[in-house]
Amino acid sequence: MGLTAMVILIALVCVLLMAAVLIQNPKGGGVDSTFGGQSANQMLGAARSTDFIEKLTWGLAIALFVLCIITSLMVGSGTEGPELLTQ
């Protein structure tokens, strides 16, 4: 996988991570607060949707971390940069 593909993949994960974070409500309401009372949450399964969004957020954050580490290893230690400047 090329460096350009890794950067595009990182950008995609960032956009998805932003969307997952913005869907959540910091006060604990989140997606389930839009459906009304507790019985509506259990009936429509919205309580499970917040668990899914939380797991998705953690998964995307871990994926972003791993992709950044892999990309930095692909770039290398930067030994080619100074050689290009001296030529």
N, C-alpha and C. Protein backbone atom coordinates (compact mmCIF):
# COMPACT_ATOMS: atom_id res chain seq x y z
N MET A 1 0.85 -1.17 0.00
CA MET A 1 0.00 0.00 0.00
C MET A 1 0.89 1.23 0.00
N GLY A 2 0.65 2.14 -0.88
CA GLY A 2 1.48 3.31 -1.00
C GLY A 2 1.20 4.34 0.08
N LEU A 3 2.10 5.28 0.14
CA LEU A 3 1.99 6.33 1.14
C LEU A 3 0.74 7.18 0.91
N THR A 4 0.43 7.45 -0.35
CA THR A 4 -0.76 8.24 -0.66
C THR A 4 -2.02 7.53 -0.21
N ALA A 5 -2.07 6.23 -0.41
CA ALA A 5 -3.23 5.45 0.01
C ALA A 5 -3.38 5.47 1.53
N MET A 6 -2.26 5.43 2.24
CA MET A 6 -2.31 5.48 3.71
C MET A 6 -2.82 6.84 4.19
N VAL A 7 -2.39 7.91 3.54
CA VAL A 7 -2.85 9.24 3.93
C VAL A 7 -4.35 9.39 3.66
N ILE A 8 -4.82 8.85 2.54
CA ILE A 8 -6.25 8.90 2.24
C ILE A 8 -7.03 8.08 3.25
N LEU A 9 -6.51 6.93 3.63
CA LEU A 9 -7.17 6.09 4.63
C LEU A 9 -7.22 6.79 5.99
N ILE A 10 -6.14 7.47 6.37
CA ILE A 10 -6.12 8.23 7.62
C ILE A 10 -7.16 9.34 7.58
N ALA A 11 -7.27 10.03 6.46
CA ALA A 11 -8.25 11.11 6.33
C ALA A 11 -9.68 10.56 6.44
N LEU A 12 -9.93 9.41 5.84
CA LEU A 12 -11.25 8.79 5.92
C LEU A 12 -11.59 8.40 7.36
N VAL A 13 -10.62 7.81 8.05
CA VAL A 13 -10.84 7.43 9.45
C VAL A 13 -11.09 8.68 10.30
N CYS A 14 -10.38 9.77 10.02
CA CYS A 14 -10.59 11.02 10.76
C CYS A 14 -12.00 11.56 10.57
N VAL A 15 -12.49 11.54 9.35
CA VAL A 15 -13.85 12.03 9.08
C VAL A 15 -14.88 11.15 9.80
N LEU A 16 -14.69 9.84 9.74
CA LEU A 16 -15.62 8.93 10.42
C LEU A 16 -15.56 9.12 11.93
N LEU A 17 -14.35 9.35 12.47
CA LEU A 17 -14.20 9.57 13.90
C LEU A 17 -14.88 10.86 14.33
N MET A 18 -14.74 11.90 13.52
CA MET A 18 -15.43 13.16 13.84
C MET A 18 -16.94 12.96 13.85
N ALA A 19 -17.47 12.23 12.88
CA ALA A 19 -18.91 11.98 12.82
C ALA A 19 -19.37 11.18 14.04
N ALA A 20 -18.59 10.17 14.43
CA ALA A 20 -18.96 9.35 15.58
C ALA A 20 -18.94 10.16 16.87
N VAL A 21 -17.99 11.07 17.00
CA VAL A 21 -17.93 11.89 18.20
C VAL A 21 -19.06 12.91 18.22
N LEU A 22 -19.38 13.49 17.07
CA LEU A 22 -20.45 14.49 17.03
C LEU A 22 -21.83 13.90 17.25
N ILE A 23 -22.02 12.63 16.94
CA ILE A 23 -23.30 11.97 17.17
C ILE A 23 -23.56 11.82 18.67
N GLN A 24 -22.50 11.62 19.44
CA GLN A 24 -22.64 11.40 20.87
C GLN A 24 -23.00 12.70 21.58
N ASN A 25 -23.71 12.56 22.69
CA ASN A 25 -24.05 13.70 23.53
C ASN A 25 -23.18 13.62 24.78
N PRO A 26 -22.45 14.67 25.12
CA PRO A 26 -21.55 14.61 26.27
C PRO A 26 -22.25 14.41 27.60
N LYS A 27 -23.55 14.70 27.67
CA LYS A 27 -24.27 14.55 28.93
C LYS A 27 -24.93 13.18 29.07
N GLY A 28 -24.64 12.28 28.17
CA GLY A 28 -25.16 10.93 28.29
C GLY A 28 -26.44 10.69 27.52
N GLY A 29 -27.03 11.72 26.91
CA GLY A 29 -28.27 11.53 26.17
C GLY A 29 -28.01 10.84 24.86
N GLY A 30 -27.24 11.47 24.02
CA GLY A 30 -26.85 10.90 22.74
C GLY A 30 -28.02 10.56 21.86
N VAL A 31 -27.90 9.47 21.17
CA VAL A 31 -28.90 9.05 20.21
C VAL A 31 -30.18 8.66 20.92
N ASP A 32 -30.12 8.05 22.13
CA ASP A 32 -31.34 7.59 22.76
C ASP A 32 -32.22 8.72 23.24
N SER A 33 -31.69 9.91 23.47
CA SER A 33 -32.54 11.01 23.94
C SER A 33 -33.49 11.50 22.85
N THR A 34 -33.19 11.23 21.60
CA THR A 34 -34.07 11.68 20.52
C THR A 34 -35.31 10.81 20.39
N PHE A 35 -35.33 9.65 21.00
CA PHE A 35 -36.46 8.74 20.86
C PHE A 35 -37.46 8.84 22.00
N GLY A 36 -37.23 9.70 22.97
CA GLY A 36 -38.21 9.88 24.04
C GLY A 36 -37.87 9.12 25.29
N GLY A 37 -38.86 8.45 25.86
CA GLY A 37 -38.73 7.80 27.16
C GLY A 37 -37.94 6.51 27.12
N GLN A 38 -37.79 5.93 28.33
CA GLN A 38 -37.00 4.71 28.48
C GLN A 38 -37.65 3.54 27.75
N SER A 39 -38.98 3.44 27.78
CA SER A 39 -39.63 2.31 27.11
C SER A 39 -39.43 2.39 25.60
N ALA A 40 -39.42 3.61 25.06
CA ALA A 40 -39.18 3.76 23.62
C ALA A 40 -37.75 3.36 23.28
N ASN A 41 -36.81 3.65 24.19
CA ASN A 41 -35.42 3.26 23.94
C ASN A 41 -35.27 1.76 23.88
N GLN A 42 -35.93 1.06 24.80
CA GLN A 42 -35.81 -0.39 24.81
C GLN A 42 -36.53 -0.99 23.62
N MET A 43 -37.65 -0.40 23.24
CA MET A 43 -38.42 -0.94 22.14
C MET A 43 -37.69 -0.74 20.80
N LEU A 44 -37.11 0.43 20.60
CA LEU A 44 -36.47 0.73 19.33
C LEU A 44 -35.00 0.30 19.30
N GLY A 45 -34.45 -0.11 20.43
CA GLY A 45 -33.07 -0.54 20.47
C GLY A 45 -32.07 0.59 20.46
N ALA A 46 -32.47 1.80 20.86
CA ALA A 46 -31.56 2.94 20.84
C ALA A 46 -30.51 2.84 21.92
N ALA A 47 -30.81 2.13 23.00
CA ALA A 47 -29.81 1.96 24.06
C ALA A 47 -28.61 1.18 23.52
N ARG A 48 -28.90 0.23 22.66
CA ARG A 48 -27.80 -0.54 22.05
C ARG A 48 -27.03 0.29 21.03
N SER A 49 -27.70 1.28 20.42
CA SER A 49 -27.02 2.10 19.42
C SER A 49 -25.94 2.95 20.06
N THR A 50 -26.14 3.40 21.30
CA THR A 50 -25.09 4.19 21.96
C THR A 50 -23.89 3.31 22.29
N ASP A 51 -24.14 2.05 22.66
CA ASP A 51 -23.03 1.13 22.89
C ASP A 51 -22.25 0.92 21.60
N PHE A 52 -22.98 0.79 20.49
CA PHE A 52 -22.33 0.59 19.20
C PHE A 52 -21.50 1.81 18.82
N ILE A 53 -22.05 3.00 19.04
CA ILE A 53 -21.33 4.23 18.67
C ILE A 53 -20.09 4.40 19.55
N GLU A 54 -20.20 4.03 20.83
CA GLU A 54 -19.03 4.11 21.71
C GLU A 54 -17.95 3.14 21.26
N LYS A 55 -18.34 1.93 20.92
CA LYS A 55 -17.36 0.95 20.44
C LYS A 55 -16.77 1.38 19.10
N LEU A 56 -17.60 1.96 18.25
CA LEU A 56 -17.12 2.47 16.96
C LEU A 56 -16.10 3.59 17.17
N THR A 57 -16.38 4.47 18.12
CA THR A 57 -15.46 5.57 18.41
C THR A 57 -14.11 5.04 18.88
N TRP A 58 -14.12 4.10 19.80
CA TRP A 58 -12.86 3.53 20.28
C TRP A 58 -12.13 2.79 19.16
N GLY A 59 -12.87 2.06 18.35
CA GLY A 59 -12.24 1.34 17.24
C GLY A 59 -11.60 2.27 16.22
N LEU A 60 -12.30 3.36 15.91
CA LEU A 60 -11.75 4.33 14.96
C LEU A 60 -10.53 5.05 15.54
N ALA A 61 -10.57 5.34 16.84
CA ALA A 61 -9.42 5.99 17.48
C ALA A 61 -8.20 5.08 17.47
N ILE A 62 -8.41 3.81 17.75
CA ILE A 62 -7.30 2.84 17.71
C ILE A 62 -6.79 2.68 16.29
N ALA A 63 -7.70 2.62 15.32
CA ALA A 63 -7.31 2.50 13.91
C ALA A 63 -6.49 3.71 13.47
N LEU A 64 -6.90 4.90 13.90
CA LEU A 64 -6.16 6.11 13.55
C LEU A 64 -4.76 6.08 14.14
N PHE A 65 -4.65 5.65 15.39
CA PHE A 65 -3.34 5.55 16.04
C PHE A 65 -2.43 4.58 15.30
N VAL A 66 -2.96 3.40 14.98
CA VAL A 66 -2.16 2.38 14.30
C VAL A 66 -1.77 2.84 12.90
N LEU A 67 -2.70 3.44 12.18
CA LEU A 67 -2.40 3.92 10.83
C LEU A 67 -1.33 5.01 10.84
N CYS A 68 -1.38 5.89 11.83
CA CYS A 68 -0.36 6.93 11.93
C CYS A 68 1.01 6.35 12.22
N ILE A 69 1.07 5.35 13.10
CA ILE A 69 2.35 4.70 13.40
C ILE A 69 2.89 4.00 12.16
N ILE A 70 2.04 3.26 11.46
CA ILE A 70 2.48 2.55 10.27
C ILE A 70 2.96 3.53 9.20
N THR A 71 2.23 4.64 9.03
CA THR A 71 2.62 5.63 8.03
C THR A 71 3.95 6.27 8.38
N SER A 72 4.17 6.54 9.66
CA SER A 72 5.45 7.12 10.05
C SER A 72 6.59 6.13 9.83
N LEU A 73 6.34 4.85 9.99
CA LEU A 73 7.37 3.85 9.70
C LEU A 73 7.62 3.75 8.20
N MET A 74 6.56 3.94 7.40
CA MET A 74 6.72 3.89 5.95
C MET A 74 7.55 5.07 5.45
N VAL A 75 7.34 6.21 6.07
CA VAL A 75 8.09 7.40 5.66
C VAL A 75 9.57 7.21 5.97
N GLY A 76 9.86 6.56 7.08
CA GLY A 76 11.24 6.28 7.43
C GLY A 76 11.82 7.35 8.32
N SER A 77 13.13 7.30 8.46
CA SER A 77 13.80 8.22 9.37
C SER A 77 14.11 9.55 8.72
N GLY A 78 13.79 9.71 7.47
CA GLY A 78 14.01 10.97 6.80
C GLY A 78 15.42 11.15 6.26
N THR A 79 16.12 10.04 5.98
CA THR A 79 17.49 10.15 5.48
C THR A 79 17.54 10.62 4.03
N GLU A 80 16.44 10.47 3.31
CA GLU A 80 16.44 10.88 1.91
C GLU A 80 16.29 12.39 1.76
N GLY A 81 15.67 13.03 2.71
CA GLY A 81 15.43 14.47 2.62
C GLY A 81 16.70 15.29 2.52
N PRO A 82 17.65 15.16 3.47
CA PRO A 82 18.87 15.95 3.39
C PRO A 82 19.71 15.64 2.15
N GLU A 83 19.68 14.39 1.67
CA GLU A 83 20.45 14.06 0.46
C GLU A 83 19.91 14.82 -0.74
N LEU A 84 18.60 14.98 -0.81
CA LEU A 84 18.01 15.71 -1.90
C LEU A 84 18.37 17.20 -1.85
N LEU A 85 18.50 17.71 -0.66
CA LEU A 85 18.83 19.13 -0.50
C LEU A 85 20.28 19.41 -0.87
N THR A 86 21.18 18.45 -0.68
CA THR A 86 22.60 18.69 -0.96
C THR A 86 22.95 18.49 -2.42
N GLN A 87 22.08 17.90 -3.20
CA GLN A 87 22.41 17.62 -4.60
C GLN A 87 22.27 18.81 -5.47
